[in-house]
mmCIF file of all heavy atoms, coordinates in Angstrom:
data_MODEL
# 
_entry.id   MODEL 
# 
loop_
_atom_site.group_PDB 
_atom_site.id 
_atom_site.type_symbol 
_atom_site.label_atom_id 
_atom_site.label_alt_id 
_atom_site.label_comp_id 
_atom_site.label_asym_id 
_atom_site.label_entity_id 
_atom_site.label_seq_id 
_atom_site.pdbx_PDB_ins_code 
_atom_site.Cartn_x 
_atom_site.Cartn_y 
_atom_site.Cartn_z 
_atom_site.occupancy 
_atom_site.B_iso_or_equiv 
_atom_site.pdbx_formal_charge 
_atom_site.auth_seq_id 
_atom_site.auth_comp_id 
_atom_site.auth_asym_id 
_atom_site.auth_atom_id 
_atom_site.pdbx_PDB_model_num 
ATOM 1   N N   . GLY A 1 1  ? -59.544 100.646 22.952 1.00 0.00 ? 1  GLY A N   1 
ATOM 2   C CA  . GLY A 1 1  ? -59.512 99.943  21.687 1.00 0.00 ? 1  GLY A CA  1 
ATOM 3   C C   . GLY A 1 1  ? -59.486 98.431  21.726 1.00 0.00 ? 1  GLY A C   1 
ATOM 4   O O   . GLY A 1 1  ? -59.487 97.807  20.633 1.00 0.00 ? 1  GLY A O   1 
ATOM 5   N N   . ASN A 1 2  ? -59.547 97.919  22.953 1.00 0.00 ? 2  ASN A N   1 
ATOM 6   C CA  . ASN A 1 2  ? -59.415 96.490  23.159 1.00 0.00 ? 2  ASN A CA  1 
ATOM 7   C C   . ASN A 1 2  ? -60.745 95.932  23.677 1.00 0.00 ? 2  ASN A C   1 
ATOM 8   O O   . ASN A 1 2  ? -61.539 96.646  24.261 1.00 0.00 ? 2  ASN A O   1 
ATOM 9   C CB  . ASN A 1 2  ? -58.260 96.086  24.084 1.00 0.00 ? 2  ASN A CB  1 
ATOM 10  C CG  . ASN A 1 2  ? -56.889 96.381  23.408 1.00 0.00 ? 2  ASN A CG  1 
ATOM 11  O OD1 . ASN A 1 2  ? -56.765 96.356  22.203 1.00 0.00 ? 2  ASN A OD1 1 
ATOM 12  N ND2 . ASN A 1 2  ? -55.923 96.642  24.288 1.00 0.00 ? 2  ASN A ND2 1 
ATOM 13  N N   . GLN A 1 3  ? -60.851 94.619  23.625 1.00 0.00 ? 3  GLN A N   1 
ATOM 14  C CA  . GLN A 1 3  ? -62.000 93.925  24.223 1.00 0.00 ? 3  GLN A CA  1 
ATOM 15  C C   . GLN A 1 3  ? -61.802 93.831  25.748 1.00 0.00 ? 3  GLN A C   1 
ATOM 16  O O   . GLN A 1 3  ? -60.628 93.813  26.250 1.00 0.00 ? 3  GLN A O   1 
ATOM 17  C CB  . GLN A 1 3  ? -62.107 92.525  23.661 1.00 0.00 ? 3  GLN A CB  1 
ATOM 18  C CG  . GLN A 1 3  ? -62.359 92.415  22.176 1.00 0.00 ? 3  GLN A CG  1 
ATOM 19  C CD  . GLN A 1 3  ? -63.852 92.283  21.853 1.00 0.00 ? 3  GLN A CD  1 
ATOM 20  O OE1 . GLN A 1 3  ? -64.692 92.541  22.729 1.00 0.00 ? 3  GLN A OE1 1 
ATOM 21  N NE2 . GLN A 1 3  ? -64.101 92.034  20.618 1.00 0.00 ? 3  GLN A NE2 1 
ATOM 22  N N   . ARG A 1 4  ? -62.884 93.740  26.486 1.00 0.00 ? 4  ARG A N   1 
ATOM 23  C CA  . ARG A 1 4  ? -62.782 93.463  27.883 1.00 0.00 ? 4  ARG A CA  1 
ATOM 24  C C   . ARG A 1 4  ? -62.285 92.043  28.115 1.00 0.00 ? 4  ARG A C   1 
ATOM 25  O O   . ARG A 1 4  ? -62.739 91.137  27.460 1.00 0.00 ? 4  ARG A O   1 
ATOM 26  C CB  . ARG A 1 4  ? -64.144 93.673  28.550 1.00 0.00 ? 4  ARG A CB  1 
ATOM 27  C CG  . ARG A 1 4  ? -64.044 93.669  30.086 1.00 0.00 ? 4  ARG A CG  1 
ATOM 28  C CD  . ARG A 1 4  ? -65.437 94.035  30.695 1.00 0.00 ? 4  ARG A CD  1 
ATOM 29  N NE  . ARG A 1 4  ? -65.823 95.325  30.303 1.00 0.00 ? 4  ARG A NE  1 
ATOM 30  C CZ  . ARG A 1 4  ? -66.944 95.939  30.754 1.00 0.00 ? 4  ARG A CZ  1 
ATOM 31  N NH1 . ARG A 1 4  ? -67.692 95.339  31.657 1.00 0.00 ? 4  ARG A NH1 1 
ATOM 32  N NH2 . ARG A 1 4  ? -67.176 97.222  30.357 1.00 0.00 ? 4  ARG A NH2 1 
ATOM 33  N N   . GLU A 1 5  ? -61.310 91.835  28.987 1.00 0.00 ? 5  GLU A N   1 
ATOM 34  C CA  . GLU A 1 5  ? -60.755 90.647  29.220 1.00 0.00 ? 5  GLU A CA  1 
ATOM 35  C C   . GLU A 1 5  ? -60.731 90.228  30.736 1.00 0.00 ? 5  GLU A C   1 
ATOM 36  O O   . GLU A 1 5  ? -60.740 91.102  31.575 1.00 0.00 ? 5  GLU A O   1 
ATOM 37  C CB  . GLU A 1 5  ? -59.270 90.597  28.693 1.00 0.00 ? 5  GLU A CB  1 
ATOM 38  C CG  . GLU A 1 5  ? -58.382 91.493  29.393 1.00 0.00 ? 5  GLU A CG  1 
ATOM 39  C CD  . GLU A 1 5  ? -56.918 91.377  28.953 1.00 0.00 ? 5  GLU A CD  1 
ATOM 40  O OE1 . GLU A 1 5  ? -56.602 90.543  28.085 1.00 0.00 ? 5  GLU A OE1 1 
ATOM 41  O OE2 . GLU A 1 5  ? -56.060 92.177  29.452 1.00 0.00 ? 5  GLU A OE2 1 
ATOM 42  N N   . LEU A 1 6  ? -60.794 88.923  30.948 1.00 0.00 ? 6  LEU A N   1 
ATOM 43  C CA  . LEU A 1 6  ? -60.708 88.445  32.264 1.00 0.00 ? 6  LEU A CA  1 
ATOM 44  C C   . LEU A 1 6  ? -59.404 88.580  32.851 1.00 0.00 ? 6  LEU A C   1 
ATOM 45  O O   . LEU A 1 6  ? -58.375 88.396  32.288 1.00 0.00 ? 6  LEU A O   1 
ATOM 46  C CB  . LEU A 1 6  ? -61.180 86.898  32.324 1.00 0.00 ? 6  LEU A CB  1 
ATOM 47  C CG  . LEU A 1 6  ? -61.173 86.189  33.723 1.00 0.00 ? 6  LEU A CG  1 
ATOM 48  C CD1 . LEU A 1 6  ? -62.257 85.090  33.594 1.00 0.00 ? 6  LEU A CD1 1 
ATOM 49  C CD2 . LEU A 1 6  ? -59.804 85.673  34.053 1.00 0.00 ? 6  LEU A CD2 1 
ATOM 50  N N   . VAL A 1 7  ? -59.377 89.105  34.170 1.00 0.00 ? 7  VAL A N   1 
ATOM 51  C CA  . VAL A 1 7  ? -58.196 89.240  34.952 1.00 0.00 ? 7  VAL A CA  1 
ATOM 52  C C   . VAL A 1 7  ? -58.074 88.063  36.020 1.00 0.00 ? 7  VAL A C   1 
ATOM 53  O O   . VAL A 1 7  ? -57.164 87.329  36.101 1.00 0.00 ? 7  VAL A O   1 
ATOM 54  C CB  . VAL A 1 7  ? -58.088 90.611  35.595 1.00 0.00 ? 7  VAL A CB  1 
ATOM 55  C CG1 . VAL A 1 7  ? -56.776 90.688  36.527 1.00 0.00 ? 7  VAL A CG1 1 
ATOM 56  C CG2 . VAL A 1 7  ? -58.083 91.726  34.590 1.00 0.00 ? 7  VAL A CG2 1 
ATOM 57  N N   . ALA A 1 8  ? -59.144 88.010  36.827 1.00 0.00 ? 8  ALA A N   1 
ATOM 58  C CA  . ALA A 1 8  ? -59.170 86.970  37.877 1.00 0.00 ? 8  ALA A CA  1 
ATOM 59  C C   . ALA A 1 8  ? -60.633 86.792  38.295 1.00 0.00 ? 8  ALA A C   1 
ATOM 60  O O   . ALA A 1 8  ? -61.382 87.696  38.361 1.00 0.00 ? 8  ALA A O   1 
ATOM 61  C CB  . ALA A 1 8  ? -58.301 87.346  39.050 1.00 0.00 ? 8  ALA A CB  1 
ATOM 62  N N   . THR A 1 9  ? -60.923 85.562  38.693 1.00 0.00 ? 9  THR A N   1 
ATOM 63  C CA  . THR A 1 9  ? -62.228 85.227  39.360 1.00 0.00 ? 9  THR A CA  1 
ATOM 64  C C   . THR A 1 9  ? -62.082 84.462  40.531 1.00 0.00 ? 9  THR A C   1 
ATOM 65  O O   . THR A 1 9  ? -61.055 83.807  40.729 1.00 0.00 ? 9  THR A O   1 
ATOM 66  C CB  . THR A 1 9  ? -63.164 84.503  38.298 1.00 0.00 ? 9  THR A CB  1 
ATOM 67  O OG1 . THR A 1 9  ? -62.537 83.220  37.989 1.00 0.00 ? 9  THR A OG1 1 
ATOM 68  C CG2 . THR A 1 9  ? -63.379 85.249  37.059 1.00 0.00 ? 9  THR A CG2 1 
ATOM 69  N N   . ILE A 1 10 ? -62.999 84.498  41.420 1.00 0.00 ? 10 ILE A N   1 
ATOM 70  C CA  . ILE A 1 10 ? -63.024 83.700  42.579 1.00 0.00 ? 10 ILE A CA  1 
ATOM 71  C C   . ILE A 1 10 ? -64.460 83.232  42.908 1.00 0.00 ? 10 ILE A C   1 
ATOM 72  O O   . ILE A 1 10 ? -65.432 84.047  42.854 1.00 0.00 ? 10 ILE A O   1 
ATOM 73  C CB  . ILE A 1 10 ? -62.405 84.487  43.767 1.00 0.00 ? 10 ILE A CB  1 
ATOM 74  C CG1 . ILE A 1 10 ? -62.341 83.650  45.036 1.00 0.00 ? 10 ILE A CG1 1 
ATOM 75  C CG2 . ILE A 1 10 ? -63.232 85.801  43.993 1.00 0.00 ? 10 ILE A CG2 1 
ATOM 76  C CD1 . ILE A 1 10 ? -61.466 84.253  46.150 1.00 0.00 ? 10 ILE A CD1 1 
ATOM 77  N N   . SER A 1 11 ? -64.621 81.965  43.179 1.00 0.00 ? 11 SER A N   1 
ATOM 78  C CA  . SER A 1 11 ? -65.906 81.369  43.475 1.00 0.00 ? 11 SER A CA  1 
ATOM 79  C C   . SER A 1 11 ? -66.267 81.678  44.924 1.00 0.00 ? 11 SER A C   1 
ATOM 80  O O   . SER A 1 11 ? -65.425 82.107  45.721 1.00 0.00 ? 11 SER A O   1 
ATOM 81  C CB  . SER A 1 11 ? -65.946 79.909  43.235 1.00 0.00 ? 11 SER A CB  1 
ATOM 82  O OG  . SER A 1 11 ? -65.195 79.223  44.204 1.00 0.00 ? 11 SER A OG  1 
ATOM 83  N N   . ARG A 1 12 ? -67.459 81.393  45.344 1.00 0.00 ? 12 ARG A N   1 
ATOM 84  C CA  . ARG A 1 12 ? -67.912 81.593  46.703 1.00 0.00 ? 12 ARG A CA  1 
ATOM 85  C C   . ARG A 1 12 ? -67.094 80.682  47.645 1.00 0.00 ? 12 ARG A C   1 
ATOM 86  O O   . ARG A 1 12 ? -66.831 81.096  48.741 1.00 0.00 ? 12 ARG A O   1 
ATOM 87  C CB  . ARG A 1 12 ? -69.430 81.224  46.822 1.00 0.00 ? 12 ARG A CB  1 
ATOM 88  C CG  . ARG A 1 12 ? -70.000 81.631  48.188 1.00 0.00 ? 12 ARG A CG  1 
ATOM 89  C CD  . ARG A 1 12 ? -71.482 81.517  48.245 1.00 0.00 ? 12 ARG A CD  1 
ATOM 90  N NE  . ARG A 1 12 ? -72.046 81.922  49.503 1.00 0.00 ? 12 ARG A NE  1 
ATOM 91  C CZ  . ARG A 1 12 ? -72.379 83.161  49.792 1.00 0.00 ? 12 ARG A CZ  1 
ATOM 92  N NH1 . ARG A 1 12 ? -72.260 84.125  48.850 1.00 0.00 ? 12 ARG A NH1 1 
ATOM 93  N NH2 . ARG A 1 12 ? -72.865 83.483  50.982 1.00 0.00 ? 12 ARG A NH2 1 
ATOM 94  N N   . GLY A 1 13 ? -66.660 79.556  47.123 1.00 0.00 ? 13 GLY A N   1 
ATOM 95  C CA  . GLY A 1 13 ? -65.850 78.629  47.944 1.00 0.00 ? 13 GLY A CA  1 
ATOM 96  C C   . GLY A 1 13 ? -64.395 78.945  47.872 1.00 0.00 ? 13 GLY A C   1 
ATOM 97  O O   . GLY A 1 13 ? -63.584 78.235  48.501 1.00 0.00 ? 13 GLY A O   1 
ATOM 98  N N   . GLY A 1 14 ? -63.968 79.956  47.163 1.00 0.00 ? 14 GLY A N   1 
ATOM 99  C CA  . GLY A 1 14 ? -62.555 80.391  47.197 1.00 0.00 ? 14 GLY A CA  1 
ATOM 100 C C   . GLY A 1 14 ? -61.743 79.872  46.113 1.00 0.00 ? 14 GLY A C   1 
ATOM 101 O O   . GLY A 1 14 ? -60.467 80.078  46.183 1.00 0.00 ? 14 GLY A O   1 
ATOM 102 N N   . ILE A 1 15 ? -62.287 79.229  45.134 1.00 0.00 ? 15 ILE A N   1 
ATOM 103 C CA  . ILE A 1 15 ? -61.518 78.766  43.978 1.00 0.00 ? 15 ILE A CA  1 
ATOM 104 C C   . ILE A 1 15 ? -61.225 79.893  43.063 1.00 0.00 ? 15 ILE A C   1 
ATOM 105 O O   . ILE A 1 15 ? -62.103 80.656  42.625 1.00 0.00 ? 15 ILE A O   1 
ATOM 106 C CB  . ILE A 1 15 ? -62.285 77.676  43.224 1.00 0.00 ? 15 ILE A CB  1 
ATOM 107 C CG1 . ILE A 1 15 ? -62.528 76.432  44.195 1.00 0.00 ? 15 ILE A CG1 1 
ATOM 108 C CG2 . ILE A 1 15 ? -61.511 77.162  41.953 1.00 0.00 ? 15 ILE A CG2 1 
ATOM 109 C CD1 . ILE A 1 15 ? -63.469 75.382  43.519 1.00 0.00 ? 15 ILE A CD1 1 
ATOM 110 N N   . THR A 1 16 ? -59.925 80.100  42.710 1.00 0.00 ? 16 THR A N   1 
ATOM 111 C CA  . THR A 1 16 ? -59.464 81.223  41.913 1.00 0.00 ? 16 THR A CA  1 
ATOM 112 C C   . THR A 1 16 ? -59.021 80.792  40.551 1.00 0.00 ? 16 THR A C   1 
ATOM 113 O O   . THR A 1 16 ? -58.634 79.698  40.310 1.00 0.00 ? 16 THR A O   1 
ATOM 114 C CB  . THR A 1 16 ? -58.379 81.947  42.680 1.00 0.00 ? 16 THR A CB  1 
ATOM 115 O OG1 . THR A 1 16 ? -57.192 81.043  42.860 1.00 0.00 ? 16 THR A OG1 1 
ATOM 116 C CG2 . THR A 1 16 ? -58.746 82.451  43.970 1.00 0.00 ? 16 THR A CG2 1 
ATOM 117 N N   . ASN A 1 17 ? -59.113 81.845  39.671 1.00 0.00 ? 17 ASN A N   1 
ATOM 118 C CA  . ASN A 1 17 ? -58.644 81.607  38.297 1.00 0.00 ? 17 ASN A CA  1 
ATOM 119 C C   . ASN A 1 17 ? -58.003 82.873  37.875 1.00 0.00 ? 17 ASN A C   1 
ATOM 120 O O   . ASN A 1 17 ? -58.569 83.985  38.083 1.00 0.00 ? 17 ASN A O   1 
ATOM 121 C CB  . ASN A 1 17 ? -59.763 81.238  37.367 1.00 0.00 ? 17 ASN A CB  1 
ATOM 122 C CG  . ASN A 1 17 ? -59.307 81.002  35.935 1.00 0.00 ? 17 ASN A CG  1 
ATOM 123 O OD1 . ASN A 1 17 ? -58.335 80.268  35.719 1.00 0.00 ? 17 ASN A OD1 1 
ATOM 124 N ND2 . ASN A 1 17 ? -60.052 81.599  35.036 1.00 0.00 ? 17 ASN A ND2 1 
ATOM 125 N N   . TYR A 1 18 ? -56.815 82.890  37.271 1.00 0.00 ? 18 TYR A N   1 
ATOM 126 C CA  . TYR A 1 18 ? -56.146 84.046  36.862 1.00 0.00 ? 18 TYR A CA  1 
ATOM 127 C C   . TYR A 1 18 ? -55.756 84.015  35.388 1.00 0.00 ? 18 TYR A C   1 
ATOM 128 O O   . TYR A 1 18 ? -55.390 82.917  34.794 1.00 0.00 ? 18 TYR A O   1 
ATOM 129 C CB  . TYR A 1 18 ? -54.839 84.220  37.649 1.00 0.00 ? 18 TYR A CB  1 
ATOM 130 C CG  . TYR A 1 18 ? -54.993 84.522  39.073 1.00 0.00 ? 18 TYR A CG  1 
ATOM 131 C CD1 . TYR A 1 18 ? -54.973 83.380  39.990 1.00 0.00 ? 18 TYR A CD1 1 
ATOM 132 C CD2 . TYR A 1 18 ? -55.163 85.797  39.610 1.00 0.00 ? 18 TYR A CD2 1 
ATOM 133 C CE1 . TYR A 1 18 ? -55.148 83.602  41.337 1.00 0.00 ? 18 TYR A CE1 1 
ATOM 134 C CE2 . TYR A 1 18 ? -55.273 85.965  40.971 1.00 0.00 ? 18 TYR A CE2 1 
ATOM 135 C CZ  . TYR A 1 18 ? -55.294 84.842  41.814 1.00 0.00 ? 18 TYR A CZ  1 
ATOM 136 O OH  . TYR A 1 18 ? -55.450 85.110  43.175 1.00 0.00 ? 18 TYR A OH  1 
ATOM 137 N N   . ALA A 1 19 ? -55.795 85.240  34.764 1.00 0.00 ? 19 ALA A N   1 
ATOM 138 C CA  . ALA A 1 19 ? -55.174 85.250  33.463 1.00 0.00 ? 19 ALA A CA  1 
ATOM 139 C C   . ALA A 1 19 ? -53.659 84.995  33.500 1.00 0.00 ? 19 ALA A C   1 
ATOM 140 O O   . ALA A 1 19 ? -53.023 85.325  34.515 1.00 0.00 ? 19 ALA A O   1 
ATOM 141 C CB  . ALA A 1 19 ? -55.454 86.605  32.788 1.00 0.00 ? 19 ALA A CB  1 
ATOM 142 N N   . ASP A 1 20 ? -53.106 84.308  32.519 1.00 0.00 ? 20 ASP A N   1 
ATOM 143 C CA  . ASP A 1 20 ? -51.705 84.066  32.521 1.00 0.00 ? 20 ASP A CA  1 
ATOM 144 C C   . ASP A 1 20 ? -50.819 85.314  32.688 1.00 0.00 ? 20 ASP A C   1 
ATOM 145 O O   . ASP A 1 20 ? -49.744 85.262  33.333 1.00 0.00 ? 20 ASP A O   1 
ATOM 146 C CB  . ASP A 1 20 ? -51.292 83.309  31.217 1.00 0.00 ? 20 ASP A CB  1 
ATOM 147 C CG  . ASP A 1 20 ? -51.729 81.905  31.206 1.00 0.00 ? 20 ASP A CG  1 
ATOM 148 O OD1 . ASP A 1 20 ? -52.081 81.336  32.218 1.00 0.00 ? 20 ASP A OD1 1 
ATOM 149 O OD2 . ASP A 1 20 ? -51.802 81.276  30.071 1.00 0.00 ? 20 ASP A OD2 1 
ATOM 150 N N   . SER A 1 21 ? -51.281 86.376  32.162 1.00 0.00 ? 21 SER A N   1 
ATOM 151 C CA  . SER A 1 21 ? -50.525 87.642  32.197 1.00 0.00 ? 21 SER A CA  1 
ATOM 152 C C   . SER A 1 21 ? -50.384 88.234  33.591 1.00 0.00 ? 21 SER A C   1 
ATOM 153 O O   . SER A 1 21 ? -49.440 89.006  33.874 1.00 0.00 ? 21 SER A O   1 
ATOM 154 C CB  . SER A 1 21 ? -51.146 88.713  31.258 1.00 0.00 ? 21 SER A CB  1 
ATOM 155 O OG  . SER A 1 21 ? -52.439 88.975  31.659 1.00 0.00 ? 21 SER A OG  1 
ATOM 156 N N   . VAL A 1 22 ? -51.191 87.737  34.559 1.00 0.00 ? 22 VAL A N   1 
ATOM 157 C CA  . VAL A 1 22 ? -51.176 88.328  35.866 1.00 0.00 ? 22 VAL A CA  1 
ATOM 158 C C   . VAL A 1 22 ? -50.793 87.343  36.929 1.00 0.00 ? 22 VAL A C   1 
ATOM 159 O O   . VAL A 1 22 ? -50.557 87.768  38.102 1.00 0.00 ? 22 VAL A O   1 
ATOM 160 C CB  . VAL A 1 22 ? -52.524 89.023  36.221 1.00 0.00 ? 22 VAL A CB  1 
ATOM 161 C CG1 . VAL A 1 22 ? -52.875 90.024  35.189 1.00 0.00 ? 22 VAL A CG1 1 
ATOM 162 C CG2 . VAL A 1 22 ? -53.560 87.969  36.525 1.00 0.00 ? 22 VAL A CG2 1 
ATOM 163 N N   . LYS A 1 23 ? -50.636 86.127  36.598 1.00 0.00 ? 23 LYS A N   1 
ATOM 164 C CA  . LYS A 1 23 ? -50.274 85.051  37.596 1.00 0.00 ? 23 LYS A CA  1 
ATOM 165 C C   . LYS A 1 23 ? -48.920 85.373  38.295 1.00 0.00 ? 23 LYS A C   1 
ATOM 166 O O   . LYS A 1 23 ? -47.999 85.750  37.627 1.00 0.00 ? 23 LYS A O   1 
ATOM 167 C CB  . LYS A 1 23 ? -50.144 83.723  36.868 1.00 0.00 ? 23 LYS A CB  1 
ATOM 168 C CG  . LYS A 1 23 ? -51.513 83.042  36.573 1.00 0.00 ? 23 LYS A CG  1 
ATOM 169 C CD  . LYS A 1 23 ? -51.397 81.724  35.977 1.00 0.00 ? 23 LYS A CD  1 
ATOM 170 C CE  . LYS A 1 23 ? -52.700 81.084  35.658 1.00 0.00 ? 23 LYS A CE  1 
ATOM 171 N NZ  . LYS A 1 23 ? -52.566 79.718  34.990 1.00 0.00 ? 23 LYS A NZ  1 
ATOM 172 N N   . GLY A 1 24 ? -48.958 85.228  39.561 1.00 0.00 ? 24 GLY A N   1 
ATOM 173 C CA  . GLY A 1 24 ? -47.766 85.526  40.324 1.00 0.00 ? 24 GLY A CA  1 
ATOM 174 C C   . GLY A 1 24 ? -47.585 86.956  40.739 1.00 0.00 ? 24 GLY A C   1 
ATOM 175 O O   . GLY A 1 24 ? -46.807 87.262  41.584 1.00 0.00 ? 24 GLY A O   1 
ATOM 176 N N   . ARG A 1 25 ? -48.445 87.818  40.137 1.00 0.00 ? 25 ARG A N   1 
ATOM 177 C CA  . ARG A 1 25 ? -48.374 89.252  40.489 1.00 0.00 ? 25 ARG A CA  1 
ATOM 178 C C   . ARG A 1 25 ? -49.643 89.738  41.194 1.00 0.00 ? 25 ARG A C   1 
ATOM 179 O O   . ARG A 1 25 ? -49.617 90.659  42.002 1.00 0.00 ? 25 ARG A O   1 
ATOM 180 C CB  . ARG A 1 25 ? -48.102 90.083  39.234 1.00 0.00 ? 25 ARG A CB  1 
ATOM 181 C CG  . ARG A 1 25 ? -46.845 89.810  38.518 1.00 0.00 ? 25 ARG A CG  1 
ATOM 182 C CD  . ARG A 1 25 ? -46.531 90.725  37.358 1.00 0.00 ? 25 ARG A CD  1 
ATOM 183 N NE  . ARG A 1 25 ? -47.549 90.708  36.370 1.00 0.00 ? 25 ARG A NE  1 
ATOM 184 C CZ  . ARG A 1 25 ? -48.347 91.705  35.989 1.00 0.00 ? 25 ARG A CZ  1 
ATOM 185 N NH1 . ARG A 1 25 ? -48.149 92.888  36.564 1.00 0.00 ? 25 ARG A NH1 1 
ATOM 186 N NH2 . ARG A 1 25 ? -49.240 91.612  34.983 1.00 0.00 ? 25 ARG A NH2 1 
ATOM 187 N N   . PHE A 1 26 ? -50.764 89.242  40.752 1.00 0.00 ? 26 PHE A N   1 
ATOM 188 C CA  . PHE A 1 26 ? -52.078 89.628  41.262 1.00 0.00 ? 26 PHE A CA  1 
ATOM 189 C C   . PHE A 1 26 ? -52.674 88.594  42.166 1.00 0.00 ? 26 PHE A C   1 
ATOM 190 O O   . PHE A 1 26 ? -52.476 87.377  41.898 1.00 0.00 ? 26 PHE A O   1 
ATOM 191 C CB  . PHE A 1 26 ? -53.088 89.954  40.112 1.00 0.00 ? 26 PHE A CB  1 
ATOM 192 C CG  . PHE A 1 26 ? -52.815 91.149  39.271 1.00 0.00 ? 26 PHE A CG  1 
ATOM 193 C CD1 . PHE A 1 26 ? -51.587 91.787  39.337 1.00 0.00 ? 26 PHE A CD1 1 
ATOM 194 C CD2 . PHE A 1 26 ? -53.704 91.492  38.383 1.00 0.00 ? 26 PHE A CD2 1 
ATOM 195 C CE1 . PHE A 1 26 ? -51.324 92.879  38.571 1.00 0.00 ? 26 PHE A CE1 1 
ATOM 196 C CE2 . PHE A 1 26 ? -53.471 92.636  37.541 1.00 0.00 ? 26 PHE A CE2 1 
ATOM 197 C CZ  . PHE A 1 26 ? -52.298 93.340  37.574 1.00 0.00 ? 26 PHE A CZ  1 
ATOM 198 N N   . THR A 1 27 ? -53.351 89.058  43.215 1.00 0.00 ? 27 THR A N   1 
ATOM 199 C CA  . THR A 1 27 ? -54.055 88.076  44.037 1.00 0.00 ? 27 THR A CA  1 
ATOM 200 C C   . THR A 1 27 ? -55.481 88.556  44.336 1.00 0.00 ? 27 THR A C   1 
ATOM 201 O O   . THR A 1 27 ? -55.725 89.702  44.692 1.00 0.00 ? 27 THR A O   1 
ATOM 202 C CB  . THR A 1 27 ? -53.337 88.000  45.466 1.00 0.00 ? 27 THR A CB  1 
ATOM 203 O OG1 . THR A 1 27 ? -51.967 87.579  45.274 1.00 0.00 ? 27 THR A OG1 1 
ATOM 204 C CG2 . THR A 1 27 ? -54.049 86.932  46.382 1.00 0.00 ? 27 THR A CG2 1 
ATOM 205 N N   . ILE A 1 28 ? -56.432 87.648  43.990 1.00 0.00 ? 28 ILE A N   1 
ATOM 206 C CA  . ILE A 1 28 ? -57.849 88.001  44.275 1.00 0.00 ? 28 ILE A CA  1 
ATOM 207 C C   . ILE A 1 28 ? -58.266 87.327  45.520 1.00 0.00 ? 28 ILE A C   1 
ATOM 208 O O   . ILE A 1 28 ? -57.857 86.211  45.896 1.00 0.00 ? 28 ILE A O   1 
ATOM 209 C CB  . ILE A 1 28 ? -58.690 87.504  43.078 1.00 0.00 ? 28 ILE A CB  1 
ATOM 210 C CG1 . ILE A 1 28 ? -60.147 88.038  43.179 1.00 0.00 ? 28 ILE A CG1 1 
ATOM 211 C CG2 . ILE A 1 28 ? -58.660 86.008  42.895 1.00 0.00 ? 28 ILE A CG2 1 
ATOM 212 C CD1 . ILE A 1 28 ? -60.989 87.777  41.942 1.00 0.00 ? 28 ILE A CD1 1 
# 
């Protein structure tokens, strides 16, 4: 019932981005 949402991304160079809801718990 929800929209697809970003969890985490990583660039080819290793730059990461996390949703606030998973920061500190998930590692990409």
